Amino acid sequence: YKIITKRFLAKLVNMSTSCFRHNFTEITGIPPGEYLTNLRLRKALVLLKFPDSISEIASLAGFPNSNYFARIVRQHFGFTPREIQNKYLKNFFILLFINSNT
């Protein structure tokens, strides 16, 4: 898979990066970098439901490294990726236990 960047998107629509940023922000109301970060965070939340390593999840979600990923996740959600992952897994096993006893 290919990591999507602002430069890649600008080339895709035959615009300079600055022109693309201006047009994208005007149309969507948010800059392309912020939009891409939000997409990556959504993907990361899905991936954090599984017991993969945080480094692997960061990479699969399109973040350049796990430290940056952890910082952005904490800024947006108030929890570390590991805390989110543990919460998902704990809830999963509780539901699994409840369902197996019914």
PDB file of N, CA and C in Angstrom:
ATOM      1  N   TYR A   1       0.827  -1.178   0.000  1.00  0.00           N
ATOM      2  CA  TYR A   1       0.000   0.000   0.000  1.00  0.00           C
ATOM      3  C   TYR A   1       0.870   1.238   0.000  1.00  0.00           C
ATOM      4  N   LYS A   2       0.297   2.353  -0.396  1.00  0.00           N
ATOM      5  CA  LYS A   2       1.060   3.597  -0.487  1.00  0.00           C
ATOM      6  C   LYS A   2       0.563   4.570   0.580  1.00  0.00           C
ATOM      7  N   ILE A   3       1.507   5.192   1.280  1.00  0.00           N
ATOM      8  CA  ILE A   3       1.144   6.217   2.251  1.00  0.00           C
ATOM      9  C   ILE A   3       0.781   7.484   1.491  1.00  0.00           C
ATOM     10  N   ILE A   4      -0.392   8.019   1.776  1.00  0.00           N
ATOM     11  CA  ILE A   4      -0.876   9.200   1.081  1.00  0.00           C
ATOM     12  C   ILE A   4      -0.303  10.452   1.746  1.00  0.00           C
ATOM     13  N   THR A   5       0.260  11.305   0.925  1.00  0.00           N
ATOM     14  CA  THR A   5       0.824  12.571   1.406  1.00  0.00           C
ATOM     15  C   THR A   5       0.152  13.727   0.664  1.00  0.00           C
ATOM     16  N   LYS A   6       0.346  14.932   1.194  1.00  0.00           N
ATOM     17  CA  LYS A   6      -0.194  16.125   0.521  1.00  0.00           C
ATOM     18  C   LYS A   6       0.426  16.263  -0.870  1.00  0.00           C
ATOM     19  N   ARG A   7       1.711  15.998  -0.965  1.00  0.00           N
ATOM     20  CA  ARG A   7       2.405  16.106  -2.257  1.00  0.00           C
ATOM     21  C   ARG A   7       1.819  15.116  -3.272  1.00  0.00           C
ATOM     22  N   PHE A   8       1.553  13.886  -2.828  1.00  0.00           N
ATOM     23  CA  PHE A   8       0.954  12.867  -3.691  1.00  0.00           C
ATOM     24  C   PHE A   8      -0.416  13.328  -4.190  1.00  0.00           C
ATOM     25  N   LEU A   9      -1.252  13.849  -3.283  1.00  0.00           N
ATOM     26  CA  LEU A   9      -2.586  14.316  -3.665  1.00  0.00           C
ATOM     27  C   LEU A   9      -2.512  15.488  -4.630  1.00  0.00           C
ATOM     28  N   ALA A  10      -1.588  16.411  -4.393  1.00  0.00           N
ATOM     29  CA  ALA A  10      -1.426  17.565  -5.276  1.00  0.00           C
ATOM     30  C   ALA A  10      -1.034  17.116  -6.680  1.00  0.00           C
ATOM     31  N   LYS A  11      -0.112  16.173  -6.774  1.00  0.00           N
ATOM     32  CA  LYS A  11       0.305  15.648  -8.083  1.00  0.00           C
ATOM     33  C   LYS A  11      -0.857  14.954  -8.776  1.00  0.00           C
ATOM     34  N   LEU A  12      -1.654  14.254  -7.987  1.00  0.00           N
ATOM     35  CA  LEU A  12      -2.795  13.503  -8.523  1.00  0.00           C
ATOM     36  C   LEU A  12      -3.777  14.413  -9.259  1.00  0.00           C
ATOM     37  N   VAL A  13      -3.922  15.638  -8.777  1.00  0.00           N
ATOM     38  CA  VAL A  13      -4.858  16.589  -9.387  1.00  0.00           C
ATOM     39  C   VAL A  13      -4.143  17.691 -10.173  1.00  0.00           C
ATOM     40  N   ASN A  14      -2.864  17.470 -10.450  1.00  0.00           N
ATOM     41  CA  ASN A  14      -2.079  18.405 -11.269  1.00  0.00           C
ATOM     42  C   ASN A  14      -2.012  19.814 -10.698  1.00  0.00           C
ATOM     43  N   MET A  15      -1.726  19.916  -9.414  1.00  0.00           N
ATOM     44  CA  MET A  15      -1.598  21.223  -8.765  1.00  0.00           C
ATOM     45  C   MET A  15      -0.294  21.257  -7.991  1.00  0.00           C
ATOM     46  N   SER A  16       0.152  22.471  -7.741  1.00  0.00           N
ATOM     47  CA  SER A  16       1.277  22.615  -6.821  1.00  0.00           C
ATOM     48  C   SER A  16       0.753  22.285  -5.420  1.00  0.00           C
ATOM     49  N   THR A  17       1.671  21.979  -4.517  1.00  0.00           N
ATOM     50  CA  THR A  17       1.267  21.650  -3.152  1.00  0.00           C
ATOM     51  C   THR A  17       0.542  22.817  -2.493  1.00  0.00           C
ATOM     52  N   SER A  18       1.056  24.029  -2.688  1.00  0.00           N
ATOM     53  CA  SER A  18       0.427  25.194  -2.051  1.00  0.00           C
ATOM     54  C   SER A  18      -0.957  25.489  -2.648  1.00  0.00           C
ATOM     55  N   CYS A  19      -1.097  25.347  -3.946  1.00  0.00           N
ATOM     56  CA  CYS A  19      -2.392  25.565  -4.598  1.00  0.00           C
ATOM     57  C   CYS A  19      -3.398  24.501  -4.132  1.00  0.00           C
ATOM     58  N   PHE A  20      -2.934  23.265  -4.060  1.00  0.00           N
ATOM     59  CA  PHE A  20      -3.799  22.184  -3.589  1.00  0.00           C
ATOM     60  C   PHE A  20      -4.261  22.446  -2.161  1.00  0.00           C
ATOM     61  N   ARG A  21      -3.323  22.858  -1.304  1.00  0.00           N
ATOM     62  CA  ARG A  21      -3.652  23.121   0.096  1.00  0.00           C
ATOM     63  C   ARG A  21      -4.715  24.212   0.187  1.00  0.00           C
ATOM     64  N   HIS A  22      -4.529  25.285  -0.562  1.00  0.00           N
ATOM     65  CA  HIS A  22      -5.481  26.396  -0.547  1.00  0.00           C
ATOM     66  C   HIS A  22      -6.871  25.930  -0.993  1.00  0.00           C
ATOM     67  N   ASN A  23      -6.936  25.235  -2.132  1.00  0.00           N
ATOM     68  CA  ASN A  23      -8.225  24.774  -2.666  1.00  0.00           C
ATOM     69  C   ASN A  23      -8.883  23.751  -1.746  1.00  0.00           C
ATOM     70  N   PHE A  24      -8.100  22.846  -1.237  1.00  0.00           N
ATOM     71  CA  PHE A  24      -8.640  21.808  -0.350  1.00  0.00           C
ATOM     72  C   PHE A  24      -9.234  22.445   0.905  1.00  0.00           C
ATOM     73  N   THR A  25      -8.507  23.383   1.498  1.00  0.00           N
ATOM     74  CA  THR A  25      -8.964  24.056   2.715  1.00  0.00           C
ATOM     75  C   THR A  25     -10.222  24.870   2.444  1.00  0.00           C
ATOM     76  N   GLU A  26     -10.266  25.516   1.302  1.00  0.00           N
ATOM     77  CA  GLU A  26     -11.439  26.315   0.936  1.00  0.00           C
ATOM     78  C   GLU A  26     -12.680  25.429   0.786  1.00  0.00           C
ATOM     79  N   ILE A  27     -12.514  24.252   0.201  1.00  0.00           N
ATOM     80  CA  ILE A  27     -13.649  23.353  -0.049  1.00  0.00           C
ATOM     81  C   ILE A  27     -14.082  22.607   1.215  1.00  0.00           C
ATOM     82  N   THR A  28     -13.126  22.087   1.970  1.00  0.00           N
ATOM     83  CA  THR A  28     -13.466  21.222   3.111  1.00  0.00           C
ATOM     84  C   THR A  28     -13.524  21.953   4.443  1.00  0.00           C
ATOM     85  N   GLY A  29     -12.855  23.097   4.529  1.00  0.00           N
ATOM     86  CA  GLY A  29     -12.824  23.823   5.788  1.00  0.00           C
ATOM     87  C   GLY A  29     -11.673  23.453   6.698  1.00  0.00           C
ATOM     88  N   ILE A  30     -10.911  22.428   6.318  1.00  0.00           N
ATOM     89  CA  ILE A  30      -9.711  22.047   7.088  1.00  0.00           C
ATOM     90  C   ILE A  30      -8.557  21.790   6.130  1.00  0.00           C
ATOM     91  N   PRO A  31      -7.332  22.044   6.580  1.00  0.00           N
ATOM     92  CA  PRO A  31      -6.168  21.806   5.716  1.00  0.00           C
ATOM     93  C   PRO A  31      -5.989  20.309   5.425  1.00  0.00           C
ATOM     94  N   PRO A  32      -5.372  19.979   4.290  1.00  0.00           N
ATOM     95  CA  PRO A  32      -5.192  18.578   3.934  1.00  0.00           C
ATOM     96  C   PRO A  32      -4.383  17.789   4.961  1.00  0.00           C
ATOM     97  N   GLY A  33      -3.403  18.414   5.604  1.00  0.00           N
ATOM     98  CA  GLY A  33      -2.608  17.710   6.616  1.00  0.00           C
ATOM     99  C   GLY A  33      -3.462  17.263   7.785  1.00  0.00           C
ATOM    100  N   GLU A  34      -4.344  18.136   8.224  1.00  0.00           N
ATOM    101  CA  GLU A  34      -5.248  17.805   9.330  1.00  0.00           C
ATOM    102  C   GLU A  34      -6.228  16.712   8.909  1.00  0.00           C
ATOM    103  N   TYR A  35      -6.724  16.806   7.684  1.00  0.00           N
ATOM    104  CA  TYR A  35      -7.631  15.796   7.145  1.00  0.00           C
ATOM    105  C   TYR A  35      -6.946  14.430   7.107  1.00  0.00           C
ATOM    106  N   LEU A  36      -5.713  14.393   6.595  1.00  0.00           N
ATOM    107  CA  LEU A  36      -4.971  13.129   6.529  1.00  0.00           C
ATOM    108  C   LEU A  36      -4.707  12.564   7.919  1.00  0.00           C
ATOM    109  N   THR A  37      -4.378  13.424   8.871  1.00  0.00           N
ATOM    110  CA  THR A  37      -4.158  12.961  10.242  1.00  0.00           C
ATOM    111  C   THR A  37      -5.431  12.346  10.796  1.00  0.00           C
ATOM    112  N   ASN A  38      -6.575  12.976  10.550  1.00  0.00           N
ATOM    113  CA  ASN A  38      -7.849  12.421  11.019  1.00  0.00           C
ATOM    114  C   ASN A  38      -8.135  11.059  10.397  1.00  0.00           C
ATOM    115  N   LEU A  39      -7.852  10.911   9.102  1.00  0.00           N
ATOM    116  CA  LEU A  39      -8.035   9.607   8.441  1.00  0.00           C
ATOM    117  C   LEU A  39      -7.126   8.552   9.061  1.00  0.00           C
ATOM    118  N   ARG A  40      -5.874   8.933   9.303  1.00  0.00           N
ATOM    119  CA  ARG A  40      -4.915   7.996   9.894  1.00  0.00           C
ATOM    120  C   ARG A  40      -5.335   7.603  11.303  1.00  0.00           C
ATOM    121  N   LEU A  41      -5.866   8.556  12.063  1.00  0.00           N
ATOM    122  CA  LEU A  41      -6.335   8.248  13.420  1.00  0.00           C
ATOM    123  C   LEU A  41      -7.521   7.301  13.394  1.00  0.00           C
ATOM    124  N   ARG A  42      -8.431   7.496  12.446  1.00  0.00           N
ATOM    125  CA  ARG A  42      -9.571   6.567  12.316  1.00  0.00           C
ATOM    126  C   ARG A  42      -9.093   5.152  12.024  1.00  0.00           C
ATOM    127  N   LYS A  43      -8.151   5.053  11.104  1.00  0.00           N
ATOM    128  CA  LYS A  43      -7.610   3.737  10.760  1.00  0.00           C
ATOM    129  C   LYS A  43      -6.901   3.133  11.971  1.00  0.00           C
ATOM    130  N   ALA A  44      -6.159   3.948  12.699  1.00  0.00           N
ATOM    131  CA  ALA A  44      -5.441   3.465  13.880  1.00  0.00           C
ATOM    132  C   ALA A  44      -6.400   2.943  14.937  1.00  0.00           C
ATOM    133  N   LEU A  45      -7.532   3.620  15.138  1.00  0.00           N
ATOM    134  CA  LEU A  45      -8.505   3.144  16.129  1.00  0.00           C
ATOM    135  C   LEU A  45      -9.039   1.765  15.775  1.00  0.00           C
ATOM    136  N   VAL A  46      -9.251   1.528  14.504  1.00  0.00           N
ATOM    137  CA  VAL A  46      -9.682   0.198  14.074  1.00  0.00           C
ATOM    138  C   VAL A  46      -8.582  -0.825  14.347  1.00  0.00           C
ATOM    139  N   LEU A  47      -7.341  -0.470  14.009  1.00  0.00           N
ATOM    140  CA  LEU A  47      -6.216  -1.389  14.193  1.00  0.00           C
ATOM    141  C   LEU A  47      -5.903  -1.651  15.670  1.00  0.00           C
ATOM    142  N   LEU A  48      -6.189  -0.673  16.532  1.00  0.00           N
ATOM    143  CA  LEU A  48      -5.911  -0.848  17.963  1.00  0.00           C
ATOM    144  C   LEU A  48      -6.845  -1.871  18.612  1.00  0.00           C
ATOM    145  N   LYS A  49      -7.833  -2.334  17.880  1.00  0.00           N
ATOM    146  CA  LYS A  49      -8.723  -3.378  18.391  1.00  0.00           C
ATOM    147  C   LYS A  49      -8.037  -4.740  18.385  1.00  0.00           C
ATOM    148  N   PHE A  50      -6.874  -4.809  17.754  1.00  0.00           N
ATOM    149  CA  PHE A  50      -6.142  -6.060  17.632  1.00  0.00           C
ATOM    150  C   PHE A  50      -4.839  -5.981  18.426  1.00  0.00           C
ATOM    151  N   PRO A  51      -4.310  -7.122  18.829  1.00  0.00           N
ATOM    152  CA  PRO A  51      -3.122  -7.115  19.704  1.00  0.00           C
ATOM    153  C   PRO A  51      -1.783  -6.921  18.999  1.00  0.00           C
ATOM    154  N   ASP A  52      -1.764  -6.269  17.841  1.00  0.00           N
ATOM    155  CA  ASP A  52      -0.508  -6.009  17.141  1.00  0.00           C
ATOM    156  C   ASP A  52       0.326  -4.987  17.917  1.00  0.00           C
ATOM    157  N   SER A  53       1.605  -4.908  17.599  1.00  0.00           N
ATOM    158  CA  SER A  53       2.472  -3.947  18.278  1.00  0.00           C
ATOM    159  C   SER A  53       2.072  -2.526  17.888  1.00  0.00           C
ATOM    160  N   ILE A  54       2.316  -1.602  18.788  1.00  0.00           N
ATOM    161  CA  ILE A  54       1.994  -0.194  18.536  1.00  0.00           C
ATOM    162  C   ILE A  54       2.803   0.316  17.347  1.00  0.00           C
ATOM    163  N   SER A  55       4.046  -0.098  17.224  1.00  0.00           N
ATOM    164  CA  SER A  55       4.882   0.315  16.084  1.00  0.00           C
ATOM    165  C   SER A  55       4.275  -0.148  14.771  1.00  0.00           C
ATOM    166  N   GLU A  56       3.804  -1.379  14.753  1.00  0.00           N
ATOM    167  CA  GLU A  56       3.202  -1.917  13.535  1.00  0.00           C
ATOM    168  C   GLU A  56       1.908  -1.175  13.192  1.00  0.00           C
ATOM    169  N   ILE A  57       1.099  -0.899  14.202  1.00  0.00           N
ATOM    170  CA  ILE A  57      -0.149  -0.167  13.988  1.00  0.00           C
ATOM    171  C   ILE A  57       0.144   1.242  13.478  1.00  0.00           C
ATOM    172  N   ALA A  58       1.136   1.902  14.070  1.00  0.00           N
ATOM    173  CA  ALA A  58       1.520   3.247  13.621  1.00  0.00           C
ATOM    174  C   ALA A  58       1.896   3.225  12.145  1.00  0.00           C
ATOM    175  N   SER A  59       2.688   2.267  11.765  1.00  0.00           N
ATOM    176  CA  SER A  59       3.125   2.147  10.375  1.00  0.00           C
ATOM    177  C   SER A  59       1.950   1.853   9.443  1.00  0.00           C
ATOM    178  N   LEU A  60       1.097   0.905   9.813  1.00  0.00           N
ATOM    179  CA  LEU A  60      -0.047   0.541   8.984  1.00  0.00           C
ATOM    180  C   LEU A  60      -1.035   1.692   8.834  1.00  0.00           C
ATOM    181  N   ALA A  61      -1.133   2.530   9.849  1.00  0.00           N
ATOM    182  CA  ALA A  61      -2.051   3.671   9.796  1.00  0.00           C
ATOM    183  C   ALA A  61      -1.456   4.855   9.038  1.00  0.00           C
ATOM    184  N   GLY A  62      -0.160   4.780   8.701  1.00  0.00           N
ATOM    185  CA  GLY A  62       0.460   5.831   7.894  1.00  0.00           C
ATOM    186  C   GLY A  62       1.244   6.865   8.673  1.00  0.00           C
ATOM    187  N   PHE A  63       1.555   6.579   9.941  1.00  0.00           N
ATOM    188  CA  PHE A  63       2.358   7.506  10.736  1.00  0.00           C
ATOM    189  C   PHE A  63       3.836   7.180  10.540  1.00  0.00           C
ATOM    190  N   PRO A  64       4.705   8.193  10.521  1.00  0.00           N
ATOM    191  CA  PRO A  64       6.118   7.961  10.225  1.00  0.00           C
ATOM    192  C   PRO A  64       6.868   7.164  11.297  1.00  0.00           C
ATOM    193  N   ASN A  65       6.426   7.263  12.560  1.00  0.00           N
ATOM    194  CA  ASN A  65       7.064   6.471  13.619  1.00  0.00           C
ATOM    195  C   ASN A  65       6.120   6.372  14.815  1.00  0.00           C
ATOM    196  N   SER A  66       6.407   5.446  15.703  1.00  0.00           N
ATOM    197  CA  SER A  66       5.496   5.179  16.820  1.00  0.00           C
ATOM    198  C   SER A  66       5.489   6.297  17.866  1.00  0.00           C
ATOM    199  N   ASN A  67       6.596   7.018  18.020  1.00  0.00           N
ATOM    200  CA  ASN A  67       6.609   8.135  18.978  1.00  0.00           C
ATOM    201  C   ASN A  67       5.673   9.255  18.538  1.00  0.00           C
ATOM    202  N   TYR A  68       5.755   9.613  17.273  1.00  0.00           N
ATOM    203  CA  TYR A  68       4.854  10.638  16.735  1.00  0.00           C
ATOM    204  C   TYR A  68       3.406  10.162  16.836  1.00  0.00           C
ATOM    205  N   PHE A  69       3.169   8.921  16.475  1.00  0.00           N
ATOM    206  CA  PHE A  69       1.839   8.318  16.556  1.00  0.00           C
ATOM    207  C   PHE A  69       1.286   8.420  17.977  1.00  0.00           C
ATOM    208  N   ALA A  70       2.079   8.034  18.956  1.00  0.00           N
ATOM    209  CA  ALA A  70       1.643   8.067  20.351  1.00  0.00           C
ATOM    210  C   ALA A  70       1.316   9.487  20.795  1.00  0.00           C
ATOM    211  N   ARG A  71       2.134  10.444  20.374  1.00  0.00           N
ATOM    212  CA  ARG A  71       1.910  11.842  20.753  1.00  0.00           C
ATOM    213  C   ARG A  71       0.596  12.368  20.159  1.00  0.00           C
ATOM    214  N   ILE A  72       0.357  12.074  18.879  1.00  0.00           N
ATOM    215  CA  ILE A  72      -0.865  12.543  18.208  1.00  0.00           C
ATOM    216  C   ILE A  72      -2.097  11.871  18.808  1.00  0.00           C
ATOM    217  N   VAL A  73      -2.019  10.581  19.071  1.00  0.00           N
ATOM    218  CA  VAL A  73      -3.154   9.861  19.669  1.00  0.00           C
ATOM    219  C   VAL A  73      -3.480  10.452  21.035  1.00  0.00           C
ATOM    220  N   ARG A  74      -2.468  10.691  21.838  1.00  0.00           N
ATOM    221  CA  ARG A  74      -2.693  11.256  23.172  1.00  0.00           C
ATOM    222  C   ARG A  74      -3.295  12.664  23.093  1.00  0.00           C
ATOM    223  N   GLN A  75      -2.824  13.469  22.149  1.00  0.00           N
ATOM    224  CA  GLN A  75      -3.373  14.820  21.967  1.00  0.00           C
ATOM    225  C   GLN A  75      -4.853  14.779  21.582  1.00  0.00           C
ATOM    226  N   HIS A  76      -5.209  13.844  20.717  1.00  0.00           N
ATOM    227  CA  HIS A  76      -6.586  13.784  20.216  1.00  0.00           C
ATOM    228  C   HIS A  76      -7.556  13.089  21.168  1.00  0.00           C
ATOM    229  N   PHE A  77      -7.084  12.050  21.855  1.00  0.00           N
ATOM    230  CA  PHE A  77      -8.004  11.222  22.636  1.00  0.00           C
ATOM    231  C   PHE A  77      -7.753  11.247  24.143  1.00  0.00           C
ATOM    232  N   GLY A  78      -6.605  11.773  24.560  1.00  0.00           N
ATOM    233  CA  GLY A  78      -6.308  11.832  25.984  1.00  0.00           C
ATOM    234  C   GLY A  78      -5.800  10.527  26.569  1.00  0.00           C
ATOM    235  N   PHE A  79      -5.533   9.553  25.723  1.00  0.00           N
ATOM    236  CA  PHE A  79      -5.009   8.252  26.141  1.00  0.00           C
ATOM    237  C   PHE A  79      -3.875   7.862  25.211  1.00  0.00           C
ATOM    238  N   THR A  80      -2.982   7.013  25.690  1.00  0.00           N
ATOM    239  CA  THR A  80      -1.922   6.489  24.828  1.00  0.00           C
ATOM    240  C   THR A  80      -2.515   5.391  23.945  1.00  0.00           C
ATOM    241  N   PRO A  81      -1.856   5.065  22.843  1.00  0.00           N
ATOM    242  CA  PRO A  81      -2.325   3.949  22.021  1.00  0.00           C
ATOM    243  C   PRO A  81      -2.438   2.647  22.824  1.00  0.00           C
ATOM    244  N   ARG A  82      -1.487   2.391  23.712  1.00  0.00           N
ATOM    245  CA  ARG A  82      -1.520   1.168  24.519  1.00  0.00           C
ATOM    246  C   ARG A  82      -2.753   1.147  25.438  1.00  0.00           C
ATOM    247  N   GLU A  83      -3.079   2.302  26.033  1.00  0.00           N
ATOM    248  CA  GLU A  83      -4.263   2.372  26.894  1.00  0.00           C
ATOM    249  C   GLU A  83      -5.541   2.097  26.100  1.00  0.00           C
ATOM    250  N   ILE A  84      -5.621   2.655  24.900  1.00  0.00           N
ATOM    251  CA  ILE A  84      -6.786   2.418  24.039  1.00  0.00           C
ATOM    252  C   ILE A  84      -6.852   0.952  23.655  1.00  0.00           C
ATOM    253  N   GLN A  85      -5.725   0.398  23.266  1.00  0.00           N
ATOM    254  CA  GLN A  85      -5.672  -1.006  22.863  1.00  0.00           C
ATOM    255  C   GLN A  85      -6.085  -1.921  24.021  1.00  0.00           C
ATOM    256  N   ASN A  86      -5.564  -1.663  25.206  1.00  0.00           N
ATOM    257  CA  ASN A  86      -5.912  -2.480  26.368  1.00  0.00           C
ATOM    258  C   ASN A  86      -7.398  -2.391  26.693  1.00  0.00           C
ATOM    259  N   LYS A  87      -7.969  -1.201  26.539  1.00  0.00           N
ATOM    260  CA  LYS A  87      -9.393  -1.017  26.806  1.00  0.00           C
ATOM    261  C   LYS A  87     -10.229  -1.818  25.809  1.00  0.00           C
ATOM    262  N   TYR A  88      -9.867  -1.762  24.522  1.00  0.00           N
ATOM    263  CA  TYR A  88     -10.575  -2.540  23.511  1.00  0.00           C
ATOM    264  C   TYR A  88     -10.487  -4.032  23.823  1.00  0.00           C
ATOM    265  N   LEU A  89      -9.275  -4.503  24.098  1.00  0.00           N
ATOM    266  CA  LEU A  89      -9.071  -5.934  24.320  1.00  0.00           C
ATOM    267  C   LEU A  89      -9.790  -6.395  25.582  1.00  0.00           C
ATOM    268  N   LYS A  90      -9.747  -5.582  26.633  1.00  0.00           N
ATOM    269  CA  LYS A  90     -10.434  -5.930  27.880  1.00  0.00           C
ATOM    270  C   LYS A  90     -11.929  -6.060  27.623  1.00  0.00           C
ATOM    271  N   ASN A  91     -12.516  -5.083  26.936  1.00  0.00           N
ATOM    272  CA  ASN A  91     -13.949  -5.126  26.631  1.00  0.00           C
ATOM    273  C   ASN A  91     -14.287  -6.304  25.743  1.00  0.00           C
ATOM    274  N   PHE A  92     -13.414  -6.630  24.800  1.00  0.00           N
ATOM    275  CA  PHE A  92     -13.642  -7.767  23.918  1.00  0.00           C
ATOM    276  C   PHE A  92     -13.719  -9.060  24.721  1.00  0.00           C
ATOM    277  N   PHE A  93     -12.764  -9.247  25.634  1.00  0.00           N
ATOM    278  CA  PHE A  93     -12.745 -10.484  26.419  1.00  0.00           C
ATOM    279  C   PHE A  93     -13.903 -10.559  27.400  1.00  0.00           C
ATOM    280  N   ILE A  94     -14.353  -9.427  27.917  1.00  0.00           N
ATOM    281  CA  ILE A  94     -15.529  -9.415  28.787  1.00  0.00           C
ATOM    282  C   ILE A  94     -16.754  -9.854  27.996  1.00  0.00           C
ATOM    283  N   LEU A  95     -16.922  -9.278  26.790  1.00  0.00           N
ATOM    284  CA  LEU A  95     -18.056  -9.674  25.939  1.00  0.00           C
ATOM    285  C   LEU A  95     -17.971 -11.132  25.548  1.00  0.00           C
ATOM    286  N   LEU A  96     -16.777 -11.605  25.243  1.00  0.00           N
ATOM    287  CA  LEU A  96     -16.577 -13.002  24.883  1.00  0.00           C
ATOM    288  C   LEU A  96     -16.984 -13.904  26.045  1.00  0.00           C
ATOM    289  N   PHE A  97     -16.585 -13.544  27.246  1.00  0.00           N
ATOM    290  CA  PHE A  97     -16.916 -14.310  28.458  1.00  0.00           C
ATOM    291  C   PHE A  97     -18.414 -14.315  28.691  1.00  0.00           C
ATOM    292  N   ILE A  98     -19.043 -13.153  28.578  1.00  0.00           N
ATOM    293  CA  ILE A  98     -20.501 -13.053  28.801  1.00  0.00           C
ATOM    294  C   ILE A  98     -21.235 -13.893  27.793  1.00  0.00           C
ATOM    295  N   ASN A  99     -20.836 -13.809  26.517  1.00  0.00           N
ATOM    296  CA  ASN A  99     -21.511 -14.567  25.470  1.00  0.00           C
ATOM    297  C   ASN A  99     -21.314 -16.070  25.623  1.00  0.00           C
ATOM    298  N   SER A 100     -20.182 -16.473  26.142  1.00  0.00           N
ATOM    299  CA  SER A 100     -19.934 -17.920  26.281  1.00  0.00           C
ATOM    300  C   SER A 100     -20.707 -18.516  27.464  1.00  0.00           C
ATOM    301  N   ASN A 101     -21.191 -17.662  28.373  1.00  0.00           N
ATOM    302  CA  ASN A 101     -21.924 -18.145  29.533  1.00  0.00           C
ATOM    303  C   ASN A 101     -23.435 -18.012  29.365  1.00  0.00           C
ATOM    304  N   THR A 102     -23.882 -17.652  28.185  1.00  0.00           N
ATOM    305  CA  THR A 102     -25.333 -17.519  27.989  1.00  0.00           C
ATOM    306  C   THR A 102     -25.882 -18.680  27.234  1.00  0.00           C
TER     307      THR A 102
END
